[in-house]
PDB file of N, CA and C in Angstrom:
ATOM      1  N   UNK A   1       0.908  -4.212 -13.952  1.00  0.00           N
ATOM      2  CA  UNK A   1       1.344  -3.036 -13.195  1.00  0.00           C
ATOM      3  C   UNK A   1       1.804  -3.496 -11.821  1.00  0.00           C
ATOM      4  N   UNK A   2       2.959  -3.058 -11.393  1.00  0.00           N
ATOM      5  CA  UNK A   2       3.457  -3.465 -10.081  1.00  0.00           C
ATOM      6  C   UNK A   2       2.859  -2.562  -8.974  1.00  0.00           C
ATOM      7  N   UNK A   3       3.112  -2.935  -7.747  1.00  0.00           N
ATOM      8  CA  UNK A   3       2.498  -2.250  -6.616  1.00  0.00           C
ATOM      9  C   UNK A   3       2.939  -0.790  -6.524  1.00  0.00           C
ATOM     10  N   UNK A   4       4.237  -0.516  -6.648  1.00  0.00           N
ATOM     11  CA  UNK A   4       4.740   0.845  -6.521  1.00  0.00           C
ATOM     12  C   UNK A   4       4.147   1.766  -7.579  1.00  0.00           C
ATOM     13  N   UNK A   5       4.040   1.278  -8.795  1.00  0.00           N
ATOM     14  CA  UNK A   5       3.445   2.076  -9.875  1.00  0.00           C
ATOM     15  C   UNK A   5       1.977   2.360  -9.599  1.00  0.00           C
ATOM     16  N   UNK A   6       1.238   1.353  -9.145  1.00  0.00           N
ATOM     17  CA  UNK A   6      -0.187   1.524  -8.847  1.00  0.00           C
ATOM     18  C   UNK A   6      -0.383   2.509  -7.696  1.00  0.00           C
ATOM     19  N   UNK A   7       0.453   2.435  -6.668  1.00  0.00           N
ATOM     20  CA  UNK A   7       0.317   3.367  -5.544  1.00  0.00           C
ATOM     21  C   UNK A   7       0.604   4.804  -6.017  1.00  0.00           C
ATOM     22  N   UNK A   8       1.676   4.963  -6.816  1.00  0.00           N
ATOM     23  CA  UNK A   8       1.996   6.310  -7.294  1.00  0.00           C
ATOM     24  C   UNK A   8       0.882   6.878  -8.163  1.00  0.00           C
ATOM     25  N   UNK A   9       0.298   6.038  -9.010  1.00  0.00           N
ATOM     26  CA  UNK A   9      -0.835   6.477  -9.843  1.00  0.00           C
ATOM     27  C   UNK A   9      -1.993   6.909  -8.950  1.00  0.00           C
ATOM     28  N   UNK A  10      -2.310   6.129  -7.907  1.00  0.00           N
ATOM     29  CA  UNK A  10      -3.374   6.449  -6.978  1.00  0.00           C
ATOM     30  C   UNK A  10      -3.090   7.785  -6.288  1.00  0.00           C
ATOM     31  N   UNK A  11      -1.874   7.989  -5.789  1.00  0.00           N
ATOM     32  CA  UNK A  11      -1.525   9.229  -5.108  1.00  0.00           C
ATOM     33  C   UNK A  11      -1.628  10.416  -6.047  1.00  0.00           C
ATOM     34  N   UNK A  12      -1.204  10.248  -7.303  1.00  0.00           N
ATOM     35  CA  UNK A  12      -1.305  11.330  -8.280  1.00  0.00           C
ATOM     36  C   UNK A  12      -2.759  11.702  -8.547  1.00  0.00           C
ATOM     37  N   UNK A  13      -3.617  10.692  -8.707  1.00  0.00           N
ATOM     38  CA  UNK A  13      -5.034  10.964  -8.961  1.00  0.00           C
ATOM     39  C   UNK A  13      -5.696  11.653  -7.773  1.00  0.00           C
ATOM     40  N   UNK A  14      -5.390  11.206  -6.553  1.00  0.00           N
ATOM     41  CA  UNK A  14      -5.949  11.811  -5.346  1.00  0.00           C
ATOM     42  C   UNK A  14      -5.491  13.259  -5.251  1.00  0.00           C
ATOM     43  N   UNK A  15      -4.219  13.515  -5.510  1.00  0.00           N
ATOM     44  CA  UNK A  15      -3.680  14.875  -5.427  1.00  0.00           C
ATOM     45  C   UNK A  15      -4.334  15.807  -6.442  1.00  0.00           C
ATOM     46  N   UNK A  16      -4.453  15.370  -7.668  1.00  0.00           N
ATOM     47  CA  UNK A  16      -5.094  16.203  -8.706  1.00  0.00           C
ATOM     48  C   UNK A  16      -6.533  16.530  -8.342  1.00  0.00           C
ATOM     49  N   UNK A  17      -7.280  15.537  -7.883  1.00  0.00           N
ATOM     50  CA  UNK A  17      -8.693  15.753  -7.523  1.00  0.00           C
ATOM     51  C   UNK A  17      -8.811  16.738  -6.355  1.00  0.00           C
ATOM     52  N   UNK A  18      -7.989  16.544  -5.317  1.00  0.00           N
ATOM     53  CA  UNK A  18      -8.065  17.421  -4.130  1.00  0.00           C
ATOM     54  C   UNK A  18      -7.657  18.836  -4.466  1.00  0.00           C
ATOM     55  N   UNK A  19      -6.581  18.995  -5.219  1.00  0.00           N
ATOM     56  CA  UNK A  19      -6.116  20.351  -5.561  1.00  0.00           C
ATOM     57  C   UNK A  19      -7.116  21.072  -6.456  1.00  0.00           C
ATOM     58  N   UNK A  20      -7.787  20.369  -7.353  1.00  0.00           N
ATOM     59  CA  UNK A  20      -8.785  20.993  -8.176  1.00  0.00           C
ATOM     60  C   UNK A  20      -9.967  21.480  -7.316  1.00  0.00           C
ATOM     61  N   UNK A  21     -10.379  20.681  -6.337  1.00  0.00           N
ATOM     62  CA  UNK A  21     -11.437  21.081  -5.431  1.00  0.00           C
ATOM     63  C   UNK A  21     -11.013  22.265  -4.584  1.00  0.00           C
ATOM     64  N   UNK A  22      -9.771  22.257  -4.102  1.00  0.00           N
ATOM     65  CA  UNK A  22      -9.283  23.367  -3.285  1.00  0.00           C
ATOM     66  C   UNK A  22      -9.198  24.664  -4.106  1.00  0.00           C
ATOM     67  N   UNK A  23      -8.755  24.589  -5.343  1.00  0.00           N
ATOM     68  CA  UNK A  23      -8.676  25.785  -6.191  1.00  0.00           C
ATOM     69  C   UNK A  23     -10.060  26.351  -6.444  1.00  0.00           C
ATOM     70  N   UNK A  24     -11.050  25.479  -6.625  1.00  0.00           N
ATOM     71  CA  UNK A  24     -12.386  25.952  -6.946  1.00  0.00           C
ATOM     72  C   UNK A  24     -13.107  26.510  -5.704  1.00  0.00           C
ATOM     73  N   UNK A  25     -12.899  25.881  -4.548  1.00  0.00           N
ATOM     74  CA  UNK A  25     -13.693  26.261  -3.369  1.00  0.00           C
ATOM     75  C   UNK A  25     -12.924  27.005  -2.269  1.00  0.00           C
ATOM     76  N   UNK A  26     -11.633  26.739  -2.158  1.00  0.00           N
ATOM     77  CA  UNK A  26     -10.826  27.318  -1.068  1.00  0.00           C
ATOM     78  C   UNK A  26      -9.472  27.771  -1.618  1.00  0.00           C
ATOM     79  N   UNK A  27      -9.453  28.735  -2.491  1.00  0.00           N
ATOM     80  CA  UNK A  27      -8.181  29.089  -3.156  1.00  0.00           C
ATOM     81  C   UNK A  27      -7.103  29.640  -2.245  1.00  0.00           C
ATOM     82  N   UNK A  28      -7.472  30.183  -1.083  1.00  0.00           N
ATOM     83  CA  UNK A  28      -6.458  30.771  -0.196  1.00  0.00           C
ATOM     84  C   UNK A  28      -5.847  29.770   0.773  1.00  0.00           C
ATOM     85  N   UNK A  29      -6.413  28.570   0.887  1.00  0.00           N
ATOM     86  CA  UNK A  29      -5.877  27.581   1.814  1.00  0.00           C
ATOM     87  C   UNK A  29      -4.703  26.831   1.215  1.00  0.00           C
ATOM     88  N   UNK A  30      -3.903  26.215   2.080  1.00  0.00           N
ATOM     89  CA  UNK A  30      -2.754  25.436   1.635  1.00  0.00           C
ATOM     90  C   UNK A  30      -3.214  24.203   0.880  1.00  0.00           C
ATOM     91  N   UNK A  31      -2.527  23.871  -0.170  1.00  0.00           N
ATOM     92  CA  UNK A  31      -2.841  22.672  -0.965  1.00  0.00           C
ATOM     93  C   UNK A  31      -2.093  21.486  -0.375  1.00  0.00           C
ATOM     94  N   UNK A  32      -2.794  20.376  -0.093  1.00  0.00           N
ATOM     95  CA  UNK A  32      -2.137  19.236   0.541  1.00  0.00           C
ATOM     96  C   UNK A  32      -1.358  18.391  -0.456  1.00  0.00           C
ATOM     97  N   UNK A  33      -0.430  17.635   0.104  1.00  0.00           N
ATOM     98  CA  UNK A  33       0.280  16.614  -0.659  1.00  0.00           C
ATOM     99  C   UNK A  33      -0.015  15.281   0.014  1.00  0.00           C
ATOM    100  N   UNK A  34       0.201  14.215  -0.740  1.00  0.00           N
ATOM    101  CA  UNK A  34      -0.083  12.871  -0.247  1.00  0.00           C
ATOM    102  C   UNK A  34       1.162  12.015  -0.376  1.00  0.00           C
ATOM    103  N   UNK A  35       1.420  11.220   0.624  1.00  0.00           N
ATOM    104  CA  UNK A  35       2.527  10.281   0.585  1.00  0.00           C
ATOM    105  C   UNK A  35       2.172   9.041   1.404  1.00  0.00           C
ATOM    106  N   UNK A  36       2.960   7.999   1.276  1.00  0.00           N
ATOM    107  CA  UNK A  36       2.702   6.769   2.035  1.00  0.00           C
ATOM    108  C   UNK A  36       3.805   6.527   3.052  1.00  0.00           C
ATOM    109  N   UNK A  37       3.404   5.881   4.132  1.00  0.00           N
ATOM    110  CA  UNK A  37       4.353   5.356   5.108  1.00  0.00           C
ATOM    111  C   UNK A  37       4.164   3.847   5.149  1.00  0.00           C
ATOM    112  N   UNK A  38       5.242   3.105   5.081  1.00  0.00           N
ATOM    113  CA  UNK A  38       5.187   1.662   4.948  1.00  0.00           C
ATOM    114  C   UNK A  38       5.017   1.017   6.332  1.00  0.00           C
ATOM    115  N   UNK A  39       4.098   0.076   6.389  1.00  0.00           N
ATOM    116  CA  UNK A  39       3.894  -0.724   7.580  1.00  0.00           C
ATOM    117  C   UNK A  39       4.173  -2.181   7.250  1.00  0.00           C
ATOM    118  N   UNK A  40       3.886  -3.059   8.170  1.00  0.00           N
ATOM    119  CA  UNK A  40       4.134  -4.488   7.955  1.00  0.00           C
ATOM    120  C   UNK A  40       3.180  -5.072   6.926  1.00  0.00           C
ATOM    121  N   UNK A  41       1.886  -4.758   7.027  1.00  0.00           N
ATOM    122  CA  UNK A  41       0.879  -5.296   6.105  1.00  0.00           C
ATOM    123  C   UNK A  41       0.178  -4.225   5.275  1.00  0.00           C
ATOM    124  N   UNK A  42       0.243  -2.967   5.739  1.00  0.00           N
ATOM    125  CA  UNK A  42      -0.487  -1.895   5.096  1.00  0.00           C
ATOM    126  C   UNK A  42       0.395  -0.689   4.889  1.00  0.00           C
ATOM    127  N   UNK A  43       0.143   0.050   3.834  1.00  0.00           N
ATOM    128  CA  UNK A  43       0.725   1.371   3.664  1.00  0.00           C
ATOM    129  C   UNK A  43      -0.316   2.405   4.105  1.00  0.00           C
ATOM    130  N   UNK A  44       0.116   3.383   4.892  1.00  0.00           N
ATOM    131  CA  UNK A  44      -0.775   4.458   5.299  1.00  0.00           C
ATOM    132  C   UNK A  44      -0.616   5.596   4.302  1.00  0.00           C
ATOM    133  N   UNK A  45      -1.699   6.086   3.758  1.00  0.00           N
ATOM    134  CA  UNK A  45      -1.668   7.267   2.886  1.00  0.00           C
ATOM    135  C   UNK A  45      -1.939   8.477   3.768  1.00  0.00           C
ATOM    136  N   UNK A  46      -0.969   9.391   3.801  1.00  0.00           N
ATOM    137  CA  UNK A  46      -1.028  10.572   4.666  1.00  0.00           C
ATOM    138  C   UNK A  46      -1.312  11.799   3.810  1.00  0.00           C
ATOM    139  N   UNK A  47      -2.252  12.610   4.281  1.00  0.00           N
ATOM    140  CA  UNK A  47      -2.537  13.913   3.681  1.00  0.00           C
ATOM    141  C   UNK A  47      -1.825  14.956   4.538  1.00  0.00           C
ATOM    142  N   UNK A  48      -0.965  15.765   3.902  1.00  0.00           N
ATOM    143  CA  UNK A  48      -0.138  16.731   4.634  1.00  0.00           C
ATOM    144  C   UNK A  48      -0.217  18.087   3.931  1.00  0.00           C
ATOM    145  N   UNK A  49      -0.654  19.113   4.667  1.00  0.00           N
ATOM    146  CA  UNK A  49      -0.696  20.458   4.073  1.00  0.00           C
ATOM    147  C   UNK A  49       0.386  21.360   4.610  1.00  0.00           C
ATOM    148  N   UNK A  50       1.363  20.787   5.307  1.00  0.00           N
ATOM    149  CA  UNK A  50       2.448  21.567   5.871  1.00  0.00           C
ATOM    150  C   UNK A  50       2.214  21.974   7.298  1.00  0.00           C
ATOM    151  N   UNK A  51       0.981  21.973   7.745  1.00  0.00           N
ATOM    152  CA  UNK A  51       0.630  22.298   9.119  1.00  0.00           C
ATOM    153  C   UNK A  51      -0.035  21.089   9.796  1.00  0.00           C
ATOM    154  N   UNK A  52      -0.963  20.476   9.121  1.00  0.00           N
ATOM    155  CA  UNK A  52      -1.695  19.342   9.653  1.00  0.00           C
ATOM    156  C   UNK A  52      -1.456  18.105   8.823  1.00  0.00           C
ATOM    157  N   UNK A  53      -1.423  16.973   9.509  1.00  0.00           N
ATOM    158  CA  UNK A  53      -1.330  15.680   8.814  1.00  0.00           C
ATOM    159  C   UNK A  53      -2.516  14.845   9.275  1.00  0.00           C
ATOM    160  N   UNK A  54      -3.054  14.061   8.329  1.00  0.00           N
ATOM    161  CA  UNK A  54      -4.132  13.148   8.676  1.00  0.00           C
ATOM    162  C   UNK A  54      -4.028  11.904   7.812  1.00  0.00           C
ATOM    163  N   UNK A  55      -4.680  10.830   8.270  1.00  0.00           N
ATOM    164  CA  UNK A  55      -4.670   9.583   7.522  1.00  0.00           C
ATOM    165  C   UNK A  55      -5.798   9.634   6.511  1.00  0.00           C
ATOM    166  N   UNK A  56      -5.445   9.519   5.247  1.00  0.00           N
ATOM    167  CA  UNK A  56      -6.421   9.508   4.176  1.00  0.00           C
ATOM    168  C   UNK A  56      -7.048   8.125   4.042  1.00  0.00           C
ATOM    169  N   UNK A  57      -6.192   7.096   4.011  1.00  0.00           N
ATOM    170  CA  UNK A  57      -6.668   5.713   3.922  1.00  0.00           C
ATOM    171  C   UNK A  57      -5.498   4.781   4.154  1.00  0.00           C
ATOM    172  N   UNK A  58      -5.750   3.503   4.143  1.00  0.00           N
ATOM    173  CA  UNK A  58      -4.725   2.476   4.168  1.00  0.00           C
ATOM    174  C   UNK A  58      -4.816   1.656   2.901  1.00  0.00           C
ATOM    175  N   UNK A  59      -3.683   1.137   2.443  1.00  0.00           N
ATOM    176  CA  UNK A  59      -3.655   0.256   1.272  1.00  0.00           C
ATOM    177  C   UNK A  59      -3.045  -1.069   1.707  1.00  0.00           C
ATOM    178  N   UNK A  60      -3.783  -2.157   1.467  1.00  0.00           N
ATOM    179  CA  UNK A  60      -3.268  -3.504   1.763  1.00  0.00           C
ATOM    180  C   UNK A  60      -2.164  -3.804   0.743  1.00  0.00           C
ATOM    181  N   UNK A  61      -0.951  -4.077   1.235  1.00  0.00           N
ATOM    182  CA  UNK A  61       0.190  -4.293   0.375  1.00  0.00           C
ATOM    183  C   UNK A  61       0.013  -5.558  -0.489  1.00  0.00           C
ATOM    184  N   UNK A  62      -0.601  -6.589   0.080  1.00  0.00           N
ATOM    185  CA  UNK A  62      -0.741  -7.863  -0.622  1.00  0.00           C
ATOM    186  C   UNK A  62      -1.774  -7.796  -1.757  1.00  0.00           C
ATOM    187  N   UNK A  63      -2.870  -7.092  -1.545  1.00  0.00           N
ATOM    188  CA  UNK A  63      -3.970  -7.106  -2.528  1.00  0.00           C
ATOM    189  C   UNK A  63      -4.215  -5.795  -3.237  1.00  0.00           C
ATOM    190  N   UNK A  64      -3.761  -4.672  -2.654  1.00  0.00           N
ATOM    191  CA  UNK A  64      -4.043  -3.371  -3.259  1.00  0.00           C
ATOM    192  C   UNK A  64      -5.371  -2.797  -2.829  1.00  0.00           C
ATOM    193  N   UNK A  65      -6.054  -3.436  -1.870  1.00  0.00           N
ATOM    194  CA  UNK A  65      -7.347  -2.944  -1.399  1.00  0.00           C
ATOM    195  C   UNK A  65      -7.189  -1.638  -0.630  1.00  0.00           C
ATOM    196  N   UNK A  66      -8.130  -0.725  -0.833  1.00  0.00           N
ATOM    197  CA  UNK A  66      -8.149   0.542  -0.110  1.00  0.00           C
ATOM    198  C   UNK A  66      -9.060   0.359   1.086  1.00  0.00           C
ATOM    199  N   UNK A  67      -8.531   0.673   2.282  1.00  0.00           N
ATOM    200  CA  UNK A  67      -9.269   0.475   3.528  1.00  0.00           C
ATOM    201  C   UNK A  67      -9.397   1.790   4.294  1.00  0.00           C
ATOM    202  N   UNK A  68     -10.520   1.940   4.971  1.00  0.00           N
ATOM    203  CA  UNK A  68     -10.728   3.087   5.841  1.00  0.00           C
ATOM    204  C   UNK A  68      -9.888   2.892   7.087  1.00  0.00           C
ATOM    205  N   UNK A  69      -9.341   3.969   7.620  1.00  0.00           N
ATOM    206  CA  UNK A  69      -8.510   3.787   8.798  1.00  0.00           C
ATOM    207  C   UNK A  69      -8.463   4.982   9.700  1.00  0.00           C
ATOM    208  N   UNK A  70      -8.043   4.713  10.948  1.00  0.00           N
ATOM    209  CA  UNK A  70      -7.707   5.788  11.871  1.00  0.00           C
ATOM    210  C   UNK A  70      -6.221   6.041  11.664  1.00  0.00           C
ATOM    211  N   UNK A  71      -5.594   6.830  12.523  1.00  0.00           N
ATOM    212  CA  UNK A  71      -4.174   7.116  12.317  1.00  0.00           C
ATOM    213  C   UNK A  71      -3.320   5.864  12.486  1.00  0.00           C
ATOM    214  N   UNK A  72      -3.676   4.994  13.416  1.00  0.00           N
ATOM    215  CA  UNK A  72      -2.793   3.874  13.719  1.00  0.00           C
ATOM    216  C   UNK A  72      -3.003   2.637  12.827  1.00  0.00           C
ATOM    217  N   UNK A  73      -4.232   2.356  12.466  1.00  0.00           N
ATOM    218  CA  UNK A  73      -4.524   1.098  11.773  1.00  0.00           C
ATOM    219  C   UNK A  73      -5.853   1.171  11.039  1.00  0.00           C
ATOM    220  N   UNK A  74      -6.078   0.245  10.119  1.00  0.00           N
ATOM    221  CA  UNK A  74      -7.394   0.216   9.464  1.00  0.00           C
ATOM    222  C   UNK A  74      -8.500  -0.079  10.498  1.00  0.00           C
ATOM    223  N   UNK A  75      -9.656   0.497  10.254  1.00  0.00           N
ATOM    224  CA  UNK A  75     -10.779   0.252  11.158  1.00  0.00           C
ATOM    225  C   UNK A  75     -11.415  -1.100  10.865  1.00  0.00           C
ATOM    226  N   UNK A  76     -12.047  -1.677  11.885  1.00  0.00           N
ATOM    227  CA  UNK A  76     -12.732  -2.950  11.702  1.00  0.00           C
ATOM    228  C   UNK A  76     -14.184  -2.672  11.450  1.00  0.00           C
ATOM    229  N   UNK A  77     -14.856  -3.405  10.589  1.00  0.00           N
ATOM    230  CA  UNK A  77     -14.347  -4.518   9.802  1.00  0.00           C
ATOM    231  C   UNK A  77     -13.481  -4.020   8.659  1.00  0.00           C
ATOM    232  N   UNK A  78     -12.472  -4.770   8.343  1.00  0.00           N
ATOM    233  CA  UNK A  78     -11.533  -4.390   7.268  1.00  0.00           C
ATOM    234  C   UNK A  78     -12.149  -4.777   5.929  1.00  0.00           C
ATOM    235  N   UNK A  79     -13.044  -3.912   5.461  1.00  0.00           N
ATOM    236  CA  UNK A  79     -13.764  -4.127   4.212  1.00  0.00           C
ATOM    237  C   UNK A  79     -13.180  -3.183   3.166  1.00  0.00           C
ATOM    238  N   UNK A  80     -12.826  -3.722   2.000  1.00  0.00           N
ATOM    239  CA  UNK A  80     -12.247  -2.920   0.941  1.00  0.00           C
ATOM    240  C   UNK A  80     -13.256  -1.913   0.409  1.00  0.00           C
ATOM    241  N   UNK A  81     -12.819  -0.667   0.282  1.00  0.00           N
ATOM    242  CA  UNK A  81     -13.651   0.407  -0.295  1.00  0.00           C
ATOM    243  C   UNK A  81     -13.364   0.553  -1.789  1.00  0.00           C
ATOM    244  N   UNK A  82     -12.233   0.040  -2.216  1.00  0.00           N
ATOM    245  CA  UNK A  82     -11.812   0.116  -3.604  1.00  0.00           C
ATOM    246  C   UNK A  82     -10.507  -0.626  -3.754  1.00  0.00           C
ATOM    247  N   UNK A  83      -9.880  -0.518  -4.920  1.00  0.00           N
ATOM    248  CA  UNK A  83      -8.612  -1.188  -5.165  1.00  0.00           C
ATOM    249  C   UNK A  83      -7.764  -0.322  -6.076  1.00  0.00           C
ATOM    250  N   UNK A  84      -6.473  -0.242  -5.782  1.00  0.00           N
ATOM    251  CA  UNK A  84      -5.596   0.620  -6.561  1.00  0.00           C
ATOM    252  C   UNK A  84      -5.326   0.056  -7.951  1.00  0.00           C
ATOM    253  N   UNK A  85      -5.584  -1.232  -8.164  1.00  0.00           N
ATOM    254  CA  UNK A  85      -5.386  -1.850  -9.478  1.00  0.00           C
ATOM    255  C   UNK A  85      -6.621  -1.722 -10.371  1.00  0.00           C
ATOM    256  N   UNK A  86      -7.735  -1.237  -9.852  1.00  0.00           N
ATOM    257  CA  UNK A  86      -8.982  -1.135 -10.624  1.00  0.00           C
ATOM    258  C   UNK A  86      -8.829  -0.081 -11.738  1.00  0.00           C
ATOM    259  N   UNK A  87      -9.743  -0.152 -12.685  1.00  0.00           N
ATOM    260  CA  UNK A  87      -9.723   0.835 -13.783  1.00  0.00           C
ATOM    261  C   UNK A  87      -9.919   2.237 -13.242  1.00  0.00           C
ATOM    262  N   UNK A  88     -10.770   2.404 -12.205  1.00  0.00           N
ATOM    263  CA  UNK A  88     -10.971   3.685 -11.526  1.00  0.00           C
ATOM    264  C   UNK A  88     -10.594   3.499 -10.055  1.00  0.00           C
ATOM    265  N   UNK A  89      -9.358   3.726  -9.690  1.00  0.00           N
ATOM    266  CA  UNK A  89      -8.933   3.502  -8.300  1.00  0.00           C
ATOM    267  C   UNK A  89      -9.582   4.477  -7.307  1.00  0.00           C
ATOM    268  N   UNK A  90     -10.136   5.581  -7.787  1.00  0.00           N
ATOM    269  CA  UNK A  90     -10.761   6.553  -6.899  1.00  0.00           C
ATOM    270  C   UNK A  90     -12.226   6.224  -6.586  1.00  0.00           C
ATOM    271  N   UNK A  91     -12.734   5.118  -7.105  1.00  0.00           N
ATOM    272  CA  UNK A  91     -14.162   4.809  -6.950  1.00  0.00           C
ATOM    273  C   UNK A  91     -14.571   4.692  -5.499  1.00  0.00           C
ATOM    274  N   UNK A  92     -13.719   4.214  -4.607  1.00  0.00           N
ATOM    275  CA  UNK A  92     -14.058   4.026  -3.210  1.00  0.00           C
ATOM    276  C   UNK A  92     -13.637   5.144  -2.311  1.00  0.00           C
ATOM    277  N   UNK A  93     -13.288   6.298  -2.917  1.00  0.00           N
ATOM    278  CA  UNK A  93     -12.817   7.438  -2.122  1.00  0.00           C
ATOM    279  C   UNK A  93     -13.531   8.716  -2.485  1.00  0.00           C
ATOM    280  N   UNK A  94     -13.427   9.698  -1.582  1.00  0.00           N
ATOM    281  CA  UNK A  94     -13.914  11.036  -1.834  1.00  0.00           C
ATOM    282  C   UNK A  94     -12.734  11.975  -1.652  1.00  0.00           C
ATOM    283  N   UNK A  95     -12.959  13.275  -1.708  1.00  0.00           N
ATOM    284  CA  UNK A  95     -11.857  14.222  -1.479  1.00  0.00           C
ATOM    285  C   UNK A  95     -11.425  14.218  -0.017  1.00  0.00           C
ATOM    286  N   UNK A  96     -12.250  13.658   0.859  1.00  0.00           N
ATOM    287  CA  UNK A  96     -11.959  13.665   2.281  1.00  0.00           C
ATOM    288  C   UNK A  96     -11.383  12.339   2.788  1.00  0.00           C
ATOM    289  N   UNK A  97     -11.531  11.254   2.046  1.00  0.00           N
ATOM    290  CA  UNK A  97     -11.043   9.934   2.491  1.00  0.00           C
ATOM    291  C   UNK A  97     -11.873   8.859   1.828  1.00  0.00           C
ATOM    292  N   UNK A  98     -11.939   7.711   2.475  1.00  0.00           N
ATOM    293  CA  UNK A  98     -12.686   6.598   1.893  1.00  0.00           C
ATOM    294  C   UNK A  98     -14.162   6.746   2.203  1.00  0.00           C
ATOM    295  N   UNK A  99     -14.971   6.074   1.394  1.00  0.00           N
ATOM    296  CA  UNK A  99     -16.428   6.111   1.593  1.00  0.00           C
ATOM    297  C   UNK A  99     -16.830   5.244   2.775  1.00  0.00           C
ATOM    298  N   UNK A 100     -17.940   5.572   3.380  1.00  0.00           N
ATOM    299  CA  UNK A 100     -18.487   4.771   4.455  1.00  0.00           C
ATOM    300  C   UNK A 100     -19.272   3.606   3.908  1.00  0.00           C
ATOM    301  N   UNK A 101     -19.376   2.537   4.685  1.00  0.00           N
ATOM    302  CA  UNK A 101     -20.219   1.397   4.302  1.00  0.00           C
ATOM    303  C   UNK A 101     -21.660   1.788   4.504  1.00  0.00           C
ATOM    304  N   UNK A 102     -22.513   1.356   3.644  1.00  0.00           N
ATOM    305  CA  UNK A 102     -23.957   1.675   3.761  1.00  0.00           C
ATOM    306  C   UNK A 102     -24.709   0.490   4.285  1.00  0.00           C
TER     307      UNK A 102
END
């Protein structure tokens, strides 16, 4: 699987999970969409509901690792929370973003 296909699969899975949660718990709120913006080393995954935008996570272009991030860049330490090439690419994420390190 190439990078673009894996990213699109990840975005589709994140969108389906978030919209199902929104339908069940917040049916009157706007449903977000997810897209990426390309950087030099990382793609930023943006959550956009038409009014607000936020950074959902970053994806390392070279490895496919999912990283926690602020709006500008991944947070340090840059520890992978998951990988888009994994059998379950959502393992390191929640409906709100990436999981915290324990």
